[in-house]
């Protein structure tokens, strides 16, 4: 069980209480936190996050390598059993990355979209 966050990833108060998330919504929230974190950002654990600046945003990194990084990190999220569909779309002109995947979790099927990384 985790404290819920809203669509802008901010903790919010609902009727005077912090809402808690469980099940597939908790898994969705955990995946989103992993995908939005950069490696080395959190001073208490520099290993948390994705290597956006170290690897992903480098010119020499192939889409296949980037896809592998994302799949490995998503698969490591608690509750994810396997990833059945994964699509990554990179738009060079805007330098935005869109990630869409479907995963089997301990609580059901998770359909996830992350647009504009």
PDB file of N, CA and C in Angstrom:
ATOM      1  N   UNK A   1       0.849  -1.172   0.000  1.00  0.00           N
ATOM      2  CA  UNK A   1       0.000   0.000   0.000  1.00  0.00           C
ATOM      3  C   UNK A   1       0.894   1.233   0.000  1.00  0.00           C
ATOM      4  N   UNK A   2       0.580   2.177  -0.871  1.00  0.00           N
ATOM      5  CA  UNK A   2       1.325   3.428  -0.993  1.00  0.00           C
ATOM      6  C   UNK A   2       0.373   4.610  -0.930  1.00  0.00           C
ATOM      7  N   UNK A   3       0.934   5.770  -0.610  1.00  0.00           N
ATOM      8  CA  UNK A   3       0.158   7.004  -0.658  1.00  0.00           C
ATOM      9  C   UNK A   3      -0.122   7.313  -2.124  1.00  0.00           C
ATOM     10  N   UNK A   4      -1.350   7.634  -2.447  1.00  0.00           N
ATOM     11  CA  UNK A   4      -1.727   7.936  -3.816  1.00  0.00           C
ATOM     12  C   UNK A   4      -1.215   9.291  -4.263  1.00  0.00           C
ATOM     13  N   UNK A   5      -0.971   9.393  -5.555  1.00  0.00           N
ATOM     14  CA  UNK A   5      -0.596  10.674  -6.161  1.00  0.00           C
ATOM     15  C   UNK A   5      -1.570  10.968  -7.289  1.00  0.00           C
ATOM     16  N   UNK A   6      -1.702  12.235  -7.616  1.00  0.00           N
ATOM     17  CA  UNK A   6      -2.612  12.617  -8.691  1.00  0.00           C
ATOM     18  C   UNK A   6      -1.908  12.552 -10.045  1.00  0.00           C
ATOM     19  N   UNK A   7      -2.560  13.063 -11.085  1.00  0.00           N
ATOM     20  CA  UNK A   7      -2.020  12.964 -12.450  1.00  0.00           C
ATOM     21  C   UNK A   7      -0.731  13.764 -12.647  1.00  0.00           C
ATOM     22  N   UNK A   8      -0.445  14.711 -11.765  1.00  0.00           N
ATOM     23  CA  UNK A   8       0.805  15.471 -11.851  1.00  0.00           C
ATOM     24  C   UNK A   8       1.847  14.945 -10.863  1.00  0.00           C
ATOM     25  N   UNK A   9       1.588  13.756 -10.313  1.00  0.00           N
ATOM     26  CA  UNK A   9       2.490  13.083  -9.376  1.00  0.00           C
ATOM     27  C   UNK A   9       2.677  13.823  -8.063  1.00  0.00           C
ATOM     28  N   UNK A  10       1.663  14.558  -7.661  1.00  0.00           N
ATOM     29  CA  UNK A  10       1.690  15.242  -6.377  1.00  0.00           C
ATOM     30  C   UNK A  10       0.800  14.492  -5.385  1.00  0.00           C
ATOM     31  N   UNK A  11       1.267  14.421  -4.150  1.00  0.00           N
ATOM     32  CA  UNK A  11       0.423  13.860  -3.093  1.00  0.00           C
ATOM     33  C   UNK A  11      -0.737  14.826  -2.892  1.00  0.00           C
ATOM     34  N   UNK A  12      -1.913  14.280  -2.696  1.00  0.00           N
ATOM     35  CA  UNK A  12      -3.082  15.138  -2.492  1.00  0.00           C
ATOM     36  C   UNK A  12      -3.870  14.642  -1.291  1.00  0.00           C
ATOM     37  N   UNK A  13      -4.749  15.491  -0.808  1.00  0.00           N
ATOM     38  CA  UNK A  13      -5.588  15.157   0.340  1.00  0.00           C
ATOM     39  C   UNK A  13      -7.016  15.054  -0.149  1.00  0.00           C
ATOM     40  N   UNK A  14      -7.680  13.971   0.252  1.00  0.00           N
ATOM     41  CA  UNK A  14      -9.060  13.720  -0.141  1.00  0.00           C
ATOM     42  C   UNK A  14      -9.911  13.648   1.119  1.00  0.00           C
ATOM     43  N   UNK A  15     -10.772  14.626   1.311  1.00  0.00           N
ATOM     44  CA  UNK A  15     -11.646  14.705   2.487  1.00  0.00           C
ATOM     45  C   UNK A  15     -10.847  14.629   3.785  1.00  0.00           C
ATOM     46  N   UNK A  16      -9.706  15.304   3.805  1.00  0.00           N
ATOM     47  CA  UNK A  16      -8.894  15.361   5.010  1.00  0.00           C
ATOM     48  C   UNK A  16      -7.948  14.186   5.210  1.00  0.00           C
ATOM     49  N   UNK A  17      -7.946  13.229   4.298  1.00  0.00           N
ATOM     50  CA  UNK A  17      -7.088  12.050   4.428  1.00  0.00           C
ATOM     51  C   UNK A  17      -6.151  11.917   3.235  1.00  0.00           C
ATOM     52  N   UNK A  18      -5.034  11.261   3.473  1.00  0.00           N
ATOM     53  CA  UNK A  18      -4.157  10.885   2.370  1.00  0.00           C
ATOM     54  C   UNK A  18      -4.711   9.599   1.775  1.00  0.00           C
ATOM     55  N   UNK A  19      -5.065   9.616   0.498  1.00  0.00           N
ATOM     56  CA  UNK A  19      -5.596   8.396  -0.105  1.00  0.00           C
ATOM     57  C   UNK A  19      -4.492   7.356  -0.288  1.00  0.00           C
ATOM     58  N   UNK A  20      -4.823   6.103  -0.099  1.00  0.00           N
ATOM     59  CA  UNK A  20      -3.874   5.015  -0.285  1.00  0.00           C
ATOM     60  C   UNK A  20      -4.252   4.240  -1.541  1.00  0.00           C
ATOM     61  N   UNK A  21      -3.243   3.727  -2.243  1.00  0.00           N
ATOM     62  CA  UNK A  21      -3.498   2.914  -3.431  1.00  0.00           C
ATOM     63  C   UNK A  21      -2.954   1.511  -3.189  1.00  0.00           C
ATOM     64  N   UNK A  22      -3.657   0.550  -3.749  1.00  0.00           N
ATOM     65  CA  UNK A  22      -3.246  -0.845  -3.658  1.00  0.00           C
ATOM     66  C   UNK A  22      -3.503  -1.500  -5.004  1.00  0.00           C
ATOM     67  N   UNK A  23      -3.088  -2.738  -5.124  1.00  0.00           N
ATOM     68  CA  UNK A  23      -3.389  -3.521  -6.311  1.00  0.00           C
ATOM     69  C   UNK A  23      -2.770  -2.950  -7.570  1.00  0.00           C
ATOM     70  N   UNK A  24      -3.532  -3.030  -8.647  1.00  0.00           N
ATOM     71  CA  UNK A  24      -3.017  -2.623  -9.947  1.00  0.00           C
ATOM     72  C   UNK A  24      -2.733  -1.123 -10.013  1.00  0.00           C
ATOM     73  N   UNK A  25      -3.475  -0.315  -9.282  1.00  0.00           N
ATOM     74  CA  UNK A  25      -3.210   1.128  -9.269  1.00  0.00           C
ATOM     75  C   UNK A  25      -1.897   1.431  -8.556  1.00  0.00           C
ATOM     76  N   UNK A  26      -1.569   0.659  -7.548  1.00  0.00           N
ATOM     77  CA  UNK A  26      -0.277   0.820  -6.887  1.00  0.00           C
ATOM     78  C   UNK A  26       0.857   0.460  -7.853  1.00  0.00           C
ATOM     79  N   UNK A  27       0.682  -0.625  -8.606  1.00  0.00           N
ATOM     80  CA  UNK A  27       1.688  -1.032  -9.587  1.00  0.00           C
ATOM     81  C   UNK A  27       1.838   0.029 -10.656  1.00  0.00           C
ATOM     82  N   UNK A  28       0.730   0.574 -11.140  1.00  0.00           N
ATOM     83  CA  UNK A  28       0.769   1.651 -12.146  1.00  0.00           C
ATOM     84  C   UNK A  28       1.555   2.854 -11.606  1.00  0.00           C
ATOM     85  N   UNK A  29       1.297   3.208 -10.383  1.00  0.00           N
ATOM     86  CA  UNK A  29       1.978   4.346  -9.769  1.00  0.00           C
ATOM     87  C   UNK A  29       3.477   4.061  -9.617  1.00  0.00           C
ATOM     88  N   UNK A  30       3.837   2.856  -9.197  1.00  0.00           N
ATOM     89  CA  UNK A  30       5.248   2.494  -9.051  1.00  0.00           C
ATOM     90  C   UNK A  30       5.983   2.522 -10.385  1.00  0.00           C
ATOM     91  N   UNK A  31       5.342   2.004 -11.440  1.00  0.00           N
ATOM     92  CA  UNK A  31       5.950   2.032 -12.776  1.00  0.00           C
ATOM     93  C   UNK A  31       6.170   3.479 -13.208  1.00  0.00           C
ATOM     94  N   UNK A  32       5.179   4.314 -13.018  1.00  0.00           N
ATOM     95  CA  UNK A  32       5.300   5.723 -13.387  1.00  0.00           C
ATOM     96  C   UNK A  32       6.436   6.410 -12.648  1.00  0.00           C
ATOM     97  N   UNK A  33       6.600   6.095 -11.373  1.00  0.00           N
ATOM     98  CA  UNK A  33       7.683   6.694 -10.598  1.00  0.00           C
ATOM     99  C   UNK A  33       9.042   6.244 -11.116  1.00  0.00           C
ATOM    100  N   UNK A  34       9.150   4.967 -11.465  1.00  0.00           N
ATOM    101  CA  UNK A  34      10.410   4.453 -12.007  1.00  0.00           C
ATOM    102  C   UNK A  34      10.733   5.135 -13.329  1.00  0.00           C
ATOM    103  N   UNK A  35       9.759   5.247 -14.212  1.00  0.00           N
ATOM    104  CA  UNK A  35      10.003   5.809 -15.539  1.00  0.00           C
ATOM    105  C   UNK A  35      10.254   7.315 -15.519  1.00  0.00           C
ATOM    106  N   UNK A  36       9.803   7.985 -14.483  1.00  0.00           N
ATOM    107  CA  UNK A  36       9.998   9.433 -14.404  1.00  0.00           C
ATOM    108  C   UNK A  36      11.214   9.825 -13.569  1.00  0.00           C
ATOM    109  N   UNK A  37      11.938   8.851 -13.042  1.00  0.00           N
ATOM    110  CA  UNK A  37      13.103   9.130 -12.195  1.00  0.00           C
ATOM    111  C   UNK A  37      14.390   8.986 -12.987  1.00  0.00           C
ATOM    112  N   UNK A  38      15.289   9.919 -12.792  1.00  0.00           N
ATOM    113  CA  UNK A  38      16.596   9.866 -13.442  1.00  0.00           C
ATOM    114  C   UNK A  38      17.625   9.281 -12.481  1.00  0.00           C
ATOM    115  N   UNK A  39      18.484   8.465 -13.022  1.00  0.00           N
ATOM    116  CA  UNK A  39      19.541   7.835 -12.239  1.00  0.00           C
ATOM    117  C   UNK A  39      20.360   8.893 -11.520  1.00  0.00           C
ATOM    118  N   UNK A  40      20.535   8.712 -10.227  1.00  0.00           N
ATOM    119  CA  UNK A  40      21.344   9.632  -9.433  1.00  0.00           C
ATOM    120  C   UNK A  40      20.599  10.817  -8.865  1.00  0.00           C
ATOM    121  N   UNK A  41      19.307  10.933  -9.113  1.00  0.00           N
ATOM    122  CA  UNK A  41      18.541  12.085  -8.625  1.00  0.00           C
ATOM    123  C   UNK A  41      18.298  12.066  -7.120  1.00  0.00           C
ATOM    124  N   UNK A  42      18.087  10.883  -6.561  1.00  0.00           N
ATOM    125  CA  UNK A  42      17.753  10.809  -5.136  1.00  0.00           C
ATOM    126  C   UNK A  42      19.018  10.549  -4.352  1.00  0.00           C
ATOM    127  N   UNK A  43      19.399  11.491  -3.518  1.00  0.00           N
ATOM    128  CA  UNK A  43      20.673  11.430  -2.817  1.00  0.00           C
ATOM    129  C   UNK A  43      20.780  10.250  -1.849  1.00  0.00           C
ATOM    130  N   UNK A  44      19.672   9.712  -1.409  1.00  0.00           N
ATOM    131  CA  UNK A  44      19.725   8.578  -0.484  1.00  0.00           C
ATOM    132  C   UNK A  44      19.978   7.244  -1.180  1.00  0.00           C
ATOM    133  N   UNK A  45      19.723   7.182  -2.481  1.00  0.00           N
ATOM    134  CA  UNK A  45      20.007   5.969  -3.262  1.00  0.00           C
ATOM    135  C   UNK A  45      20.256   6.376  -4.711  1.00  0.00           C
ATOM    136  N   UNK A  46      21.510   6.526  -5.063  1.00  0.00           N
ATOM    137  CA  UNK A  46      21.892   7.011  -6.387  1.00  0.00           C
ATOM    138  C   UNK A  46      21.636   5.991  -7.491  1.00  0.00           C
ATOM    139  N   UNK A  47      21.264   4.750  -7.130  1.00  0.00           N
ATOM    140  CA  UNK A  47      20.997   3.705  -8.123  1.00  0.00           C
ATOM    141  C   UNK A  47      19.549   3.692  -8.600  1.00  0.00           C
ATOM    142  N   UNK A  48      18.693   4.472  -7.957  1.00  0.00           N
ATOM    143  CA  UNK A  48      17.281   4.532  -8.351  1.00  0.00           C
ATOM    144  C   UNK A  48      17.150   5.415  -9.592  1.00  0.00           C
ATOM    145  N   UNK A  49      16.311   5.003 -10.516  1.00  0.00           N
ATOM    146  CA  UNK A  49      16.028   5.805 -11.693  1.00  0.00           C
ATOM    147  C   UNK A  49      16.626   5.227 -12.958  1.00  0.00           C
ATOM    148  N   UNK A  50      16.270   5.835 -14.064  1.00  0.00           N
ATOM    149  CA  UNK A  50      16.746   5.415 -15.385  1.00  0.00           C
ATOM    150  C   UNK A  50      17.929   6.274 -15.824  1.00  0.00           C
ATOM    151  N   UNK A  51      18.854   5.697 -16.579  1.00  0.00           N
ATOM    152  CA  UNK A  51      20.039   6.449 -17.019  1.00  0.00           C
ATOM    153  C   UNK A  51      19.737   7.352 -18.223  1.00  0.00           C
ATOM    154  N   UNK A  52      18.831   8.301 -18.018  1.00  0.00           N
ATOM    155  CA  UNK A  52      18.444   9.176 -19.126  1.00  0.00           C
ATOM    156  C   UNK A  52      19.651   9.936 -19.679  1.00  0.00           C
ATOM    157  N   UNK A  53      20.363  10.648 -18.825  1.00  0.00           N
ATOM    158  CA  UNK A  53      21.478  11.477 -19.292  1.00  0.00           C
ATOM    159  C   UNK A  53      22.727  10.653 -19.579  1.00  0.00           C
ATOM    160  N   UNK A  54      22.916   9.557 -18.847  1.00  0.00           N
ATOM    161  CA  UNK A  54      24.102   8.739 -19.017  1.00  0.00           C
ATOM    162  C   UNK A  54      24.043   7.874 -20.278  1.00  0.00           C
ATOM    163  N   UNK A  55      22.848   7.413 -20.680  1.00  0.00           N
ATOM    164  CA  UNK A  55      22.737   6.474 -21.796  1.00  0.00           C
ATOM    165  C   UNK A  55      21.608   6.820 -22.767  1.00  0.00           C
ATOM    166  N   UNK A  56      20.397   6.963 -22.273  1.00  0.00           N
ATOM    167  CA  UNK A  56      19.206   7.060 -23.123  1.00  0.00           C
ATOM    168  C   UNK A  56      19.254   8.272 -24.049  1.00  0.00           C
ATOM    169  N   UNK A  57      19.691   9.426 -23.559  1.00  0.00           N
ATOM    170  CA  UNK A  57      19.707  10.642 -24.372  1.00  0.00           C
ATOM    171  C   UNK A  57      20.981  10.799 -25.203  1.00  0.00           C
ATOM    172  N   UNK A  58      21.843   9.813 -25.196  1.00  0.00           N
ATOM    173  CA  UNK A  58      23.080   9.886 -25.977  1.00  0.00           C
ATOM    174  C   UNK A  58      22.811   9.512 -27.429  1.00  0.00           C
ATOM    175  N   UNK A  59      23.449  10.191 -28.367  1.00  0.00           N
ATOM    176  CA  UNK A  59      23.238   9.949 -29.792  1.00  0.00           C
ATOM    177  C   UNK A  59      23.584   8.521 -30.202  1.00  0.00           C
ATOM    178  N   UNK A  60      24.611   7.960 -29.607  1.00  0.00           N
ATOM    179  CA  UNK A  60      25.099   6.640 -30.020  1.00  0.00           C
ATOM    180  C   UNK A  60      24.223   5.491 -29.509  1.00  0.00           C
ATOM    181  N   UNK A  61      23.271   5.764 -28.637  1.00  0.00           N
ATOM    182  CA  UNK A  61      22.433   4.708 -28.076  1.00  0.00           C
ATOM    183  C   UNK A  61      21.326   4.345 -29.059  1.00  0.00           C
ATOM    184  N   UNK A  62      21.223   3.055 -29.377  1.00  0.00           N
ATOM    185  CA  UNK A  62      20.203   2.602 -30.326  1.00  0.00           C
ATOM    186  C   UNK A  62      18.845   2.473 -29.639  1.00  0.00           C
ATOM    187  N   UNK A  63      17.800   2.497 -30.442  1.00  0.00           N
ATOM    188  CA  UNK A  63      16.444   2.303 -29.922  1.00  0.00           C
ATOM    189  C   UNK A  63      16.330   0.935 -29.244  1.00  0.00           C
ATOM    190  N   UNK A  64      16.980  -0.077 -29.801  1.00  0.00           N
ATOM    191  CA  UNK A  64      16.950  -1.420 -29.199  1.00  0.00           C
ATOM    192  C   UNK A  64      17.565  -1.404 -27.798  1.00  0.00           C
ATOM    193  N   UNK A  65      18.662  -0.668 -27.624  1.00  0.00           N
ATOM    194  CA  UNK A  65      19.281  -0.558 -26.294  1.00  0.00           C
ATOM    195  C   UNK A  65      18.367   0.188 -25.325  1.00  0.00           C
ATOM    196  N   UNK A  66      17.758   1.254 -25.806  1.00  0.00           N
ATOM    197  CA  UNK A  66      16.838   2.031 -24.971  1.00  0.00           C
ATOM    198  C   UNK A  66      15.651   1.160 -24.562  1.00  0.00           C
ATOM    199  N   UNK A  67      15.109   0.427 -25.518  1.00  0.00           N
ATOM    200  CA  UNK A  67      13.984  -0.470 -25.230  1.00  0.00           C
ATOM    201  C   UNK A  67      14.376  -1.490 -24.160  1.00  0.00           C
ATOM    202  N   UNK A  68      15.565  -2.054 -24.263  1.00  0.00           N
ATOM    203  CA  UNK A  68      16.037  -3.029 -23.282  1.00  0.00           C
ATOM    204  C   UNK A  68      16.146  -2.438 -21.884  1.00  0.00           C
ATOM    205  N   UNK A  69      16.629  -1.197 -21.802  1.00  0.00           N
ATOM    206  CA  UNK A  69      16.735  -0.527 -20.505  1.00  0.00           C
ATOM    207  C   UNK A  69      15.356  -0.375 -19.875  1.00  0.00           C
ATOM    208  N   UNK A  70      14.389   0.103 -20.658  1.00  0.00           N
ATOM    209  CA  UNK A  70      13.042   0.304 -20.127  1.00  0.00           C
ATOM    210  C   UNK A  70      12.396  -1.021 -19.722  1.00  0.00           C
ATOM    211  N   UNK A  71      12.518  -2.031 -20.552  1.00  0.00           N
ATOM    212  CA  UNK A  71      11.917  -3.328 -20.238  1.00  0.00           C
ATOM    213  C   UNK A  71      12.518  -3.904 -18.959  1.00  0.00           C
ATOM    214  N   UNK A  72      13.835  -3.810 -18.808  1.00  0.00           N
ATOM    215  CA  UNK A  72      14.484  -4.317 -17.596  1.00  0.00           C
ATOM    216  C   UNK A  72      13.987  -3.600 -16.348  1.00  0.00           C
ATOM    217  N   UNK A  73      13.876  -2.286 -16.433  1.00  0.00           N
ATOM    218  CA  UNK A  73      13.437  -1.526 -15.248  1.00  0.00           C
ATOM    219  C   UNK A  73      11.965  -1.779 -14.933  1.00  0.00           C
ATOM    220  N   UNK A  74      11.132  -1.854 -15.967  1.00  0.00           N
ATOM    221  CA  UNK A  74       9.710  -2.124 -15.737  1.00  0.00           C
ATOM    222  C   UNK A  74       9.530  -3.519 -15.138  1.00  0.00           C
ATOM    223  N   UNK A  75      10.252  -4.487 -15.664  1.00  0.00           N
ATOM    224  CA  UNK A  75      10.153  -5.861 -15.163  1.00  0.00           C
ATOM    225  C   UNK A  75      10.597  -5.971 -13.710  1.00  0.00           C
ATOM    226  N   UNK A  76      11.422  -5.042 -13.256  1.00  0.00           N
ATOM    227  CA  UNK A  76      11.897  -5.058 -11.879  1.00  0.00           C
ATOM    228  C   UNK A  76      10.959  -4.410 -10.878  1.00  0.00           C
ATOM    229  N   UNK A  77       9.873  -3.841 -11.347  1.00  0.00           N
ATOM    230  CA  UNK A  77       8.906  -3.203 -10.441  1.00  0.00           C
ATOM    231  C   UNK A  77       8.121  -4.288  -9.712  1.00  0.00           C
ATOM    232  N   UNK A  78       7.994  -4.178  -8.394  1.00  0.00           N
ATOM    233  CA  UNK A  78       7.211  -5.175  -7.650  1.00  0.00           C
ATOM    234  C   UNK A  78       5.787  -5.285  -8.203  1.00  0.00           C
ATOM    235  N   UNK A  79       5.345  -6.505  -8.419  1.00  0.00           N
ATOM    236  CA  UNK A  79       4.003  -6.751  -8.930  1.00  0.00           C
ATOM    237  C   UNK A  79       3.961  -7.060 -10.416  1.00  0.00           C
ATOM    238  N   UNK A  80       5.010  -6.717 -11.156  1.00  0.00           N
ATOM    239  CA  UNK A  80       5.057  -7.013 -12.593  1.00  0.00           C
ATOM    240  C   UNK A  80       5.523  -8.452 -12.768  1.00  0.00           C
ATOM    241  N   UNK A  81       4.712  -9.264 -13.460  1.00  0.00           N
ATOM    242  CA  UNK A  81       5.069 -10.661 -13.710  1.00  0.00           C
ATOM    243  C   UNK A  81       5.743 -10.827 -15.063  1.00  0.00           C
ATOM    244  N   UNK A  82       5.177 -10.215 -16.104  1.00  0.00           N
ATOM    245  CA  UNK A  82       5.813 -10.222 -17.427  1.00  0.00           C
ATOM    246  C   UNK A  82       5.214  -9.115 -18.285  1.00  0.00           C
ATOM    247  N   UNK A  83       5.961  -8.752 -19.315  1.00  0.00           N
ATOM    248  CA  UNK A  83       5.532  -7.710 -20.242  1.00  0.00           C
ATOM    249  C   UNK A  83       5.157  -8.399 -21.541  1.00  0.00           C
ATOM    250  N   UNK A  84       3.883  -8.286 -21.920  1.00  0.00           N
ATOM    251  CA  UNK A  84       3.407  -8.994 -23.107  1.00  0.00           C
ATOM    252  C   UNK A  84       3.496  -8.142 -24.372  1.00  0.00           C
ATOM    253  N   UNK A  85       3.455  -6.842 -24.231  1.00  0.00           N
ATOM    254  CA  UNK A  85       3.522  -5.946 -25.384  1.00  0.00           C
ATOM    255  C   UNK A  85       4.289  -4.705 -24.958  1.00  0.00           C
ATOM    256  N   UNK A  86       5.212  -4.265 -25.810  1.00  0.00           N
ATOM    257  CA  UNK A  86       6.000  -3.076 -25.496  1.00  0.00           C
ATOM    258  C   UNK A  86       6.251  -2.307 -26.781  1.00  0.00           C
ATOM    259  N   UNK A  87       5.967  -1.021 -26.760  1.00  0.00           N
ATOM    260  CA  UNK A  87       6.197  -0.187 -27.933  1.00  0.00           C
ATOM    261  C   UNK A  87       6.837   1.113 -27.484  1.00  0.00           C
ATOM    262  N   UNK A  88       7.893   1.475 -28.173  1.00  0.00           N
ATOM    263  CA  UNK A  88       8.585   2.725 -27.881  1.00  0.00           C
ATOM    264  C   UNK A  88       8.616   3.528 -29.172  1.00  0.00           C
ATOM    265  N   UNK A  89       8.275   4.788 -29.070  1.00  0.00           N
ATOM    266  CA  UNK A  89       8.254   5.661 -30.239  1.00  0.00           C
ATOM    267  C   UNK A  89       9.063   6.907 -29.914  1.00  0.00           C
ATOM    268  N   UNK A  90      10.083   7.153 -30.712  1.00  0.00           N
ATOM    269  CA  UNK A  90      10.935   8.318 -30.509  1.00  0.00           C
ATOM    270  C   UNK A  90      10.738   9.293 -31.659  1.00  0.00           C
ATOM    271  N   UNK A  91      10.476  10.540 -31.317  1.00  0.00           N
ATOM    272  CA  UNK A  91      10.297  11.592 -32.313  1.00  0.00           C
ATOM    273  C   UNK A  91      11.531  12.495 -32.288  1.00  0.00           C
ATOM    274  N   UNK A  92      12.450  12.317 -33.255  1.00  0.00           N
ATOM    275  CA  UNK A  92      13.706  13.079 -33.238  1.00  0.00           C
ATOM    276  C   UNK A  92      13.530  14.598 -33.268  1.00  0.00           C
ATOM    277  N   UNK A  93      12.536  15.099 -33.988  1.00  0.00           N
ATOM    278  CA  UNK A  93      12.382  16.555 -34.115  1.00  0.00           C
ATOM    279  C   UNK A  93      12.040  17.213 -32.777  1.00  0.00           C
ATOM    280  N   UNK A  94      11.260  16.524 -31.945  1.00  0.00           N
ATOM    281  CA  UNK A  94      10.899  17.072 -30.636  1.00  0.00           C
ATOM    282  C   UNK A  94      11.707  16.439 -29.507  1.00  0.00           C
ATOM    283  N   UNK A  95      12.406  15.368 -29.821  1.00  0.00           N
ATOM    284  CA  UNK A  95      13.190  14.586 -28.861  1.00  0.00           C
ATOM    285  C   UNK A  95      12.322  14.083 -27.714  1.00  0.00           C
ATOM    286  N   UNK A  96      11.114  13.650 -28.055  1.00  0.00           N
ATOM    287  CA  UNK A  96      10.207  13.074 -27.068  1.00  0.00           C
ATOM    288  C   UNK A  96      10.085  11.577 -27.288  1.00  0.00           C
ATOM    289  N   UNK A  97       9.997  10.864 -26.185  1.00  0.00           N
ATOM    290  CA  UNK A  97       9.884   9.416 -26.198  1.00  0.00           C
ATOM    291  C   UNK A  97       8.519   9.039 -25.649  1.00  0.00           C
ATOM    292  N   UNK A  98       7.784   8.220 -26.384  1.00  0.00           N
ATOM    293  CA  UNK A  98       6.492   7.717 -25.926  1.00  0.00           C
ATOM    294  C   UNK A  98       6.631   6.217 -25.675  1.00  0.00           C
ATOM    295  N   UNK A  99       6.142   5.775 -24.533  1.00  0.00           N
ATOM    296  CA  UNK A  99       6.239   4.371 -24.154  1.00  0.00           C
ATOM    297  C   UNK A  99       4.838   3.850 -23.866  1.00  0.00           C
ATOM    298  N   UNK A 100       4.492   2.751 -24.521  1.00  0.00           N
ATOM    299  CA  UNK A 100       3.200   2.103 -24.316  1.00  0.00           C
ATOM    300  C   UNK A 100       3.481   0.622 -24.109  1.00  0.00           C
ATOM    301  N   UNK A 101       2.940   0.053 -23.032  1.00  0.00           N
ATOM    302  CA  UNK A 101       3.140  -1.377 -22.822  1.00  0.00           C
ATOM    303  C   UNK A 101       1.965  -1.999 -22.086  1.00  0.00           C
ATOM    304  N   UNK A 102       1.900  -3.308 -22.206  1.00  0.00           N
ATOM    305  CA  UNK A 102       0.920  -4.113 -21.481  1.00  0.00           C
ATOM    306  C   UNK A 102       1.701  -5.137 -20.680  1.00  0.00           C
ATOM    307  N   UNK A 103       1.355  -5.269 -19.410  1.00  0.00           N
ATOM    308  CA  UNK A 103       2.054  -6.212 -18.544  1.00  0.00           C
ATOM    309  C   UNK A 103       1.057  -7.002 -17.710  1.00  0.00           C
ATOM    310  N   UNK A 104       1.413  -8.236 -17.451  1.00  0.00           N
ATOM    311  CA  UNK A 104       0.646  -9.048 -16.512  1.00  0.00           C
ATOM    312  C   UNK A 104       1.213  -8.765 -15.131  1.00  0.00           C
ATOM    313  N   UNK A 105       0.324  -8.459 -14.197  1.00  0.00           N
ATOM    314  CA  UNK A 105       0.739  -8.179 -12.827  1.00  0.00           C
ATOM    315  C   UNK A 105       0.094  -9.182 -11.883  1.00  0.00           C
ATOM    316  N   UNK A 106       0.475  -9.118 -10.644  1.00  0.00           N
ATOM    317  CA  UNK A 106      -0.123 -10.000  -9.640  1.00  0.00           C
ATOM    318  C   UNK A 106      -1.596  -9.686  -9.423  1.00  0.00           C
ATOM    319  N   UNK A 107      -2.049  -8.513  -9.898  1.00  0.00           N
ATOM    320  CA  UNK A 107      -3.442  -8.102  -9.713  1.00  0.00           C
ATOM    321  C   UNK A 107      -4.242  -7.993 -10.998  1.00  0.00           C
ATOM    322  N   UNK A 108      -3.668  -8.389 -12.135  1.00  0.00           N
ATOM    323  CA  UNK A 108      -4.378  -8.304 -13.404  1.00  0.00           C
ATOM    324  C   UNK A 108      -3.496  -7.732 -14.504  1.00  0.00           C
ATOM    325  N   UNK A 109      -4.158  -7.259 -15.554  1.00  0.00           N
ATOM    326  CA  UNK A 109      -3.454  -6.713 -16.706  1.00  0.00           C
ATOM    327  C   UNK A 109      -3.319  -5.207 -16.564  1.00  0.00           C
ATOM    328  N   UNK A 110      -2.098  -4.722 -16.761  1.00  0.00           N
ATOM    329  CA  UNK A 110      -1.811  -3.289 -16.677  1.00  0.00           C
ATOM    330  C   UNK A 110      -1.519  -2.766 -18.074  1.00  0.00           C
ATOM    331  N   UNK A 111      -2.334  -1.815 -18.539  1.00  0.00           N
ATOM    332  CA  UNK A 111      -2.080  -1.091 -19.782  1.00  0.00           C
ATOM    333  C   UNK A 111      -1.527   0.266 -19.394  1.00  0.00           C
ATOM    334  N   UNK A 112      -0.339   0.579 -19.888  1.00  0.00           N
ATOM    335  CA  UNK A 112       0.361   1.782 -19.426  1.00  0.00           C
ATOM    336  C   UNK A 112       0.813   2.627 -20.608  1.00  0.00           C
ATOM    337  N   UNK A 113       0.604   3.928 -20.513  1.00  0.00           N
ATOM    338  CA  UNK A 113       1.072   4.897 -21.512  1.00  0.00           C
ATOM    339  C   UNK A 113       1.880   5.969 -20.795  1.00  0.00           C
ATOM    340  N   UNK A 114       3.069   6.236 -21.293  1.00  0.00           N
ATOM    341  CA  UNK A 114       3.858   7.352 -20.807  1.00  0.00           C
ATOM    342  C   UNK A 114       4.262   8.155 -22.033  1.00  0.00           C
ATOM    343  N   UNK A 115       3.695   9.331 -22.158  1.00  0.00           N
ATOM    344  CA  UNK A 115       3.920  10.140 -23.349  1.00  0.00           C
ATOM    345  C   UNK A 115       4.798  11.341 -23.005  1.00  0.00           C
ATOM    346  N   UNK A 116       5.778  11.564 -23.846  1.00  0.00           N
ATOM    347  CA  UNK A 116       6.577  12.765 -23.721  1.00  0.00           C
ATOM    348  C   UNK A 116       7.685  12.739 -22.702  1.00  0.00           C
ATOM    349  N   UNK A 117       8.394  11.641 -22.614  1.00  0.00           N
ATOM    350  CA  UNK A 117       9.541  11.573 -21.700  1.00  0.00           C
ATOM    351  C   UNK A 117      10.670  12.347 -22.331  1.00  0.00           C
TER     352      UNK A 117
END
